[in-house]
Amino acid sequence: MATLINVFTVEPARQRELVDVLVTATEEVMRHRPGFVAATIHAGAEGTRVVNYAQWENADAFRAMLTDPACQEHLRAALAIATADPQLYTVESVHHV
């Protein structure tokens, strides 16, 4: 499994707009791509951050998504609103109550 943690920095007045762009991208495009597992969008309480936590079956599935023109269109829309710091991680440990 590959986990994307993408931290966006955004002006507080545009945080809701960015959340809406990411939710739409996930619902309309990303979740239909091969290897997509799940995604959660988090709005920071201070208003300047949005985090996209997404899981893919593997890093190759994530990289293939990046080359898809429909996905690129949504990524450009998000980057027109905010800056991003996307990083891929491997899940090393999971804990539940």
N, C-alpha and C. Protein backbone atom coordinates (compact mmCIF):
# COMPACT_ATOMS: atom_id res chain seq x y z
N MET A 1 0.84 -1.18 0.00
CA MET A 1 0.00 0.00 0.00
C MET A 1 0.89 1.24 0.00
N ALA A 2 0.49 2.24 -0.76
CA ALA A 2 1.18 3.54 -0.78
C ALA A 2 0.21 4.58 -0.25
N THR A 3 0.71 5.42 0.63
CA THR A 3 -0.12 6.47 1.21
C THR A 3 0.41 7.82 0.78
N LEU A 4 -0.47 8.62 0.20
CA LEU A 4 -0.15 9.99 -0.16
C LEU A 4 -0.62 10.88 0.98
N ILE A 5 0.27 11.71 1.49
CA ILE A 5 -0.11 12.77 2.42
C ILE A 5 0.30 14.06 1.74
N ASN A 6 -0.69 14.81 1.30
CA ASN A 6 -0.45 16.04 0.57
C ASN A 6 -0.96 17.20 1.42
N VAL A 7 -0.02 18.03 1.87
CA VAL A 7 -0.37 19.17 2.71
C VAL A 7 -0.41 20.41 1.83
N PHE A 8 -1.60 20.99 1.74
CA PHE A 8 -1.80 22.22 0.97
C PHE A 8 -1.77 23.41 1.91
N THR A 9 -1.15 24.48 1.47
CA THR A 9 -1.19 25.75 2.19
C THR A 9 -2.05 26.70 1.37
N VAL A 10 -3.01 27.32 2.03
CA VAL A 10 -4.03 28.10 1.34
C VAL A 10 -4.38 29.33 2.17
N GLU A 11 -4.84 30.37 1.51
CA GLU A 11 -5.36 31.54 2.22
C GLU A 11 -6.67 31.11 2.92
N PRO A 12 -6.88 31.54 4.16
CA PRO A 12 -8.09 31.12 4.87
C PRO A 12 -9.39 31.39 4.10
N ALA A 13 -9.45 32.47 3.36
CA ALA A 13 -10.66 32.80 2.61
C ALA A 13 -10.93 31.80 1.49
N ARG A 14 -9.91 31.00 1.11
CA ARG A 14 -10.09 30.05 0.00
C ARG A 14 -10.05 28.59 0.45
N GLN A 15 -9.96 28.36 1.76
CA GLN A 15 -9.87 26.98 2.25
C GLN A 15 -11.08 26.15 1.80
N ARG A 16 -12.29 26.66 1.96
CA ARG A 16 -13.49 25.90 1.58
C ARG A 16 -13.49 25.61 0.08
N GLU A 17 -13.05 26.56 -0.73
CA GLU A 17 -12.97 26.36 -2.18
C GLU A 17 -12.03 25.21 -2.50
N LEU A 18 -10.87 25.18 -1.83
CA LEU A 18 -9.91 24.10 -2.06
C LEU A 18 -10.48 22.76 -1.63
N VAL A 19 -11.11 22.71 -0.48
CA VAL A 19 -11.74 21.47 -0.03
C VAL A 19 -12.74 20.98 -1.08
N ASP A 20 -13.55 21.88 -1.59
CA ASP A 20 -14.54 21.50 -2.61
C ASP A 20 -13.89 20.97 -3.87
N VAL A 21 -12.80 21.60 -4.31
CA VAL A 21 -12.07 21.12 -5.50
C VAL A 21 -11.54 19.71 -5.26
N LEU A 22 -10.96 19.46 -4.10
CA LEU A 22 -10.40 18.14 -3.80
C LEU A 22 -11.48 17.07 -3.65
N VAL A 23 -12.58 17.43 -3.03
CA VAL A 23 -13.69 16.48 -2.89
C VAL A 23 -14.25 16.12 -4.27
N THR A 24 -14.45 17.12 -5.11
CA THR A 24 -14.97 16.88 -6.46
C THR A 24 -14.00 16.02 -7.25
N ALA A 25 -12.71 16.33 -7.19
CA ALA A 25 -11.70 15.53 -7.91
C ALA A 25 -11.73 14.09 -7.45
N THR A 26 -11.85 13.88 -6.15
CA THR A 26 -11.86 12.51 -5.61
C THR A 26 -13.11 11.77 -6.06
N GLU A 27 -14.26 12.41 -5.94
CA GLU A 27 -15.53 11.77 -6.29
C GLU A 27 -15.66 11.50 -7.79
N GLU A 28 -15.27 12.46 -8.60
CA GLU A 28 -15.50 12.36 -10.04
C GLU A 28 -14.40 11.61 -10.79
N VAL A 29 -13.18 11.65 -10.29
CA VAL A 29 -12.06 11.12 -11.07
C VAL A 29 -11.20 10.12 -10.30
N MET A 30 -10.59 10.55 -9.22
CA MET A 30 -9.57 9.75 -8.55
C MET A 30 -10.07 8.38 -8.11
N ARG A 31 -11.24 8.33 -7.50
CA ARG A 31 -11.71 7.05 -6.95
C ARG A 31 -12.03 6.01 -8.02
N HIS A 32 -12.10 6.46 -9.28
CA HIS A 32 -12.38 5.55 -10.38
C HIS A 32 -11.11 5.03 -11.04
N ARG A 33 -9.96 5.48 -10.59
CA ARG A 33 -8.70 5.06 -11.19
C ARG A 33 -8.25 3.73 -10.60
N PRO A 34 -7.62 2.88 -11.43
CA PRO A 34 -7.13 1.59 -10.92
C PRO A 34 -6.16 1.80 -9.76
N GLY A 35 -6.36 1.02 -8.73
CA GLY A 35 -5.46 1.05 -7.58
C GLY A 35 -5.88 2.00 -6.48
N PHE A 36 -6.90 2.82 -6.71
CA PHE A 36 -7.38 3.72 -5.66
C PHE A 36 -8.00 2.89 -4.54
N VAL A 37 -7.68 3.24 -3.30
CA VAL A 37 -8.24 2.54 -2.14
C VAL A 37 -9.17 3.46 -1.35
N ALA A 38 -8.67 4.62 -0.95
CA ALA A 38 -9.47 5.52 -0.11
C ALA A 38 -8.82 6.90 -0.08
N ALA A 39 -9.61 7.90 0.30
CA ALA A 39 -9.07 9.24 0.50
C ALA A 39 -9.90 9.97 1.55
N THR A 40 -9.22 10.79 2.31
CA THR A 40 -9.89 11.67 3.26
C THR A 40 -9.30 13.07 3.09
N ILE A 41 -10.16 14.05 3.15
CA ILE A 41 -9.75 15.44 3.02
C ILE A 41 -9.96 16.09 4.39
N HIS A 42 -8.91 16.74 4.90
CA HIS A 42 -8.95 17.36 6.21
C HIS A 42 -8.74 18.86 6.07
N ALA A 43 -9.61 19.66 6.68
CA ALA A 43 -9.47 21.11 6.71
C ALA A 43 -8.88 21.50 8.06
N GLY A 44 -7.74 22.18 8.03
CA GLY A 44 -7.10 22.61 9.27
C GLY A 44 -7.95 23.63 10.01
N ALA A 45 -7.98 23.51 11.32
CA ALA A 45 -8.80 24.40 12.14
C ALA A 45 -8.37 25.86 12.03
N GLU A 46 -7.09 26.10 11.74
CA GLU A 46 -6.59 27.47 11.64
C GLU A 46 -6.93 28.12 10.30
N GLY A 47 -7.37 27.31 9.32
CA GLY A 47 -7.82 27.84 8.04
C GLY A 47 -6.78 27.91 6.95
N THR A 48 -5.52 27.66 7.26
CA THR A 48 -4.46 27.81 6.25
C THR A 48 -3.94 26.49 5.68
N ARG A 49 -4.48 25.39 6.14
CA ARG A 49 -4.01 24.09 5.65
C ARG A 49 -5.20 23.20 5.27
N VAL A 50 -4.95 22.38 4.25
CA VAL A 50 -5.85 21.29 3.87
C VAL A 50 -4.96 20.10 3.62
N VAL A 51 -5.34 18.95 4.14
CA VAL A 51 -4.54 17.74 3.97
C VAL A 51 -5.37 16.70 3.23
N ASN A 52 -4.77 16.14 2.19
CA ASN A 52 -5.37 15.03 1.47
C ASN A 52 -4.58 13.78 1.86
N TYR A 53 -5.26 12.84 2.52
CA TYR A 53 -4.67 11.57 2.92
C TYR A 53 -5.30 10.52 2.04
N ALA A 54 -4.54 9.99 1.09
CA ALA A 54 -5.10 9.04 0.13
C ALA A 54 -4.25 7.77 0.09
N GLN A 55 -4.92 6.65 -0.05
CA GLN A 55 -4.21 5.38 -0.13
C GLN A 55 -4.45 4.74 -1.49
N TRP A 56 -3.36 4.18 -2.01
CA TRP A 56 -3.35 3.50 -3.29
C TRP A 56 -2.79 2.10 -3.08
N GLU A 57 -3.17 1.17 -3.95
CA GLU A 57 -2.69 -0.20 -3.80
C GLU A 57 -1.17 -0.27 -3.80
N ASN A 58 -0.53 0.60 -4.59
CA ASN A 58 0.93 0.65 -4.63
C ASN A 58 1.36 1.97 -5.27
N ALA A 59 2.65 2.24 -5.21
CA ALA A 59 3.18 3.49 -5.75
C ALA A 59 2.99 3.59 -7.25
N ASP A 60 3.04 2.47 -7.96
CA ASP A 60 2.84 2.49 -9.41
C ASP A 60 1.43 2.96 -9.78
N ALA A 61 0.43 2.53 -9.02
CA ALA A 61 -0.95 2.98 -9.27
C ALA A 61 -1.06 4.49 -9.03
N PHE A 62 -0.41 4.97 -7.99
CA PHE A 62 -0.42 6.41 -7.72
C PHE A 62 0.25 7.16 -8.86
N ARG A 63 1.42 6.71 -9.30
CA ARG A 63 2.14 7.38 -10.39
C ARG A 63 1.35 7.35 -11.70
N ALA A 64 0.65 6.26 -11.96
CA ALA A 64 -0.17 6.17 -13.17
C ALA A 64 -1.28 7.20 -13.13
N MET A 65 -1.86 7.41 -11.96
CA MET A 65 -2.91 8.43 -11.81
C MET A 65 -2.36 9.80 -12.19
N LEU A 66 -1.15 10.09 -11.81
CA LEU A 66 -0.56 11.41 -12.09
C LEU A 66 -0.42 11.69 -13.58
N THR A 67 -0.34 10.66 -14.40
CA THR A 67 -0.19 10.85 -15.84
C THR A 67 -1.54 10.97 -16.57
N ASP A 68 -2.63 10.71 -15.86
CA ASP A 68 -3.96 10.75 -16.46
C ASP A 68 -4.38 12.21 -16.69
N PRO A 69 -4.73 12.59 -17.93
CA PRO A 69 -5.11 13.98 -18.20
C PRO A 69 -6.27 14.50 -17.34
N ALA A 70 -7.26 13.68 -17.06
CA ALA A 70 -8.38 14.12 -16.22
C ALA A 70 -7.90 14.42 -14.80
N CYS A 71 -7.00 13.61 -14.30
CA CYS A 71 -6.45 13.86 -12.97
C CYS A 71 -5.60 15.12 -12.97
N GLN A 72 -4.80 15.30 -14.01
CA GLN A 72 -3.96 16.49 -14.10
C GLN A 72 -4.79 17.77 -14.10
N GLU A 73 -5.94 17.73 -14.74
CA GLU A 73 -6.83 18.90 -14.77
C GLU A 73 -7.26 19.29 -13.35
N HIS A 74 -7.65 18.31 -12.55
CA HIS A 74 -8.07 18.59 -11.19
C HIS A 74 -6.89 19.04 -10.32
N LEU A 75 -5.73 18.45 -10.56
CA LEU A 75 -4.54 18.87 -9.80
C LEU A 75 -4.18 20.32 -10.10
N ARG A 76 -4.28 20.70 -11.36
CA ARG A 76 -4.02 22.10 -11.73
C ARG A 76 -5.00 23.04 -11.04
N ALA A 77 -6.27 22.63 -10.95
CA ALA A 77 -7.27 23.47 -10.29
C ALA A 77 -6.92 23.68 -8.82
N ALA A 78 -6.46 22.64 -8.15
CA ALA A 78 -6.06 22.77 -6.74
C ALA A 78 -4.84 23.66 -6.60
N LEU A 79 -3.88 23.50 -7.52
CA LEU A 79 -2.65 24.29 -7.44
C LEU A 79 -2.86 25.75 -7.83
N ALA A 80 -3.98 26.06 -8.46
CA ALA A 80 -4.31 27.45 -8.75
C ALA A 80 -4.81 28.17 -7.49
N ILE A 81 -5.18 27.38 -6.48
CA ILE A 81 -5.71 27.93 -5.23
C ILE A 81 -4.67 27.90 -4.12
N ALA A 82 -3.80 26.91 -4.13
CA ALA A 82 -2.91 26.68 -2.99
C ALA A 82 -1.58 26.11 -3.45
N THR A 83 -0.61 26.09 -2.55
CA THR A 83 0.63 25.37 -2.80
C THR A 83 0.50 24.00 -2.15
N ALA A 84 1.28 23.05 -2.64
CA ALA A 84 1.16 21.67 -2.16
C ALA A 84 2.52 21.08 -1.83
N ASP A 85 2.51 20.15 -0.88
CA ASP A 85 3.71 19.39 -0.53
C ASP A 85 3.33 17.91 -0.47
N PRO A 86 3.22 17.25 -1.64
CA PRO A 86 2.82 15.84 -1.67
C PRO A 86 4.01 14.92 -1.38
N GLN A 87 3.77 13.93 -0.53
CA GLN A 87 4.78 12.94 -0.20
C GLN A 87 4.13 11.57 -0.15
N LEU A 88 4.83 10.54 -0.64
CA LEU A 88 4.35 9.16 -0.54
C LEU A 88 4.98 8.50 0.68
N TYR A 89 4.17 7.71 1.38
CA TYR A 89 4.62 7.00 2.56
C TYR A 89 4.21 5.53 2.47
N THR A 90 4.86 4.69 3.23
CA THR A 90 4.40 3.31 3.43
C THR A 90 3.81 3.24 4.83
N VAL A 91 2.75 2.46 4.96
CA VAL A 91 2.13 2.26 6.28
C VAL A 91 2.98 1.27 7.05
N GLU A 92 3.47 1.69 8.18
CA GLU A 92 4.32 0.85 9.00
C GLU A 92 3.59 0.26 10.21
N SER A 93 2.55 0.95 10.67
CA SER A 93 1.84 0.49 11.85
C SER A 93 0.46 1.15 11.88
N VAL A 94 -0.55 0.39 12.30
CA VAL A 94 -1.92 0.90 12.42
C VAL A 94 -2.43 0.50 13.80
N HIS A 95 -3.07 1.43 14.50
CA HIS A 95 -3.61 1.16 15.84
C HIS A 95 -5.05 1.63 15.89
N HIS A 96 -5.91 0.81 16.45
CA HIS A 96 -7.33 1.15 16.61
C HIS A 96 -7.76 0.88 18.03
N VAL A 97 -8.79 1.59 18.44
CA VAL A 97 -9.37 1.34 19.78
C VAL A 97 -10.43 0.28 19.64
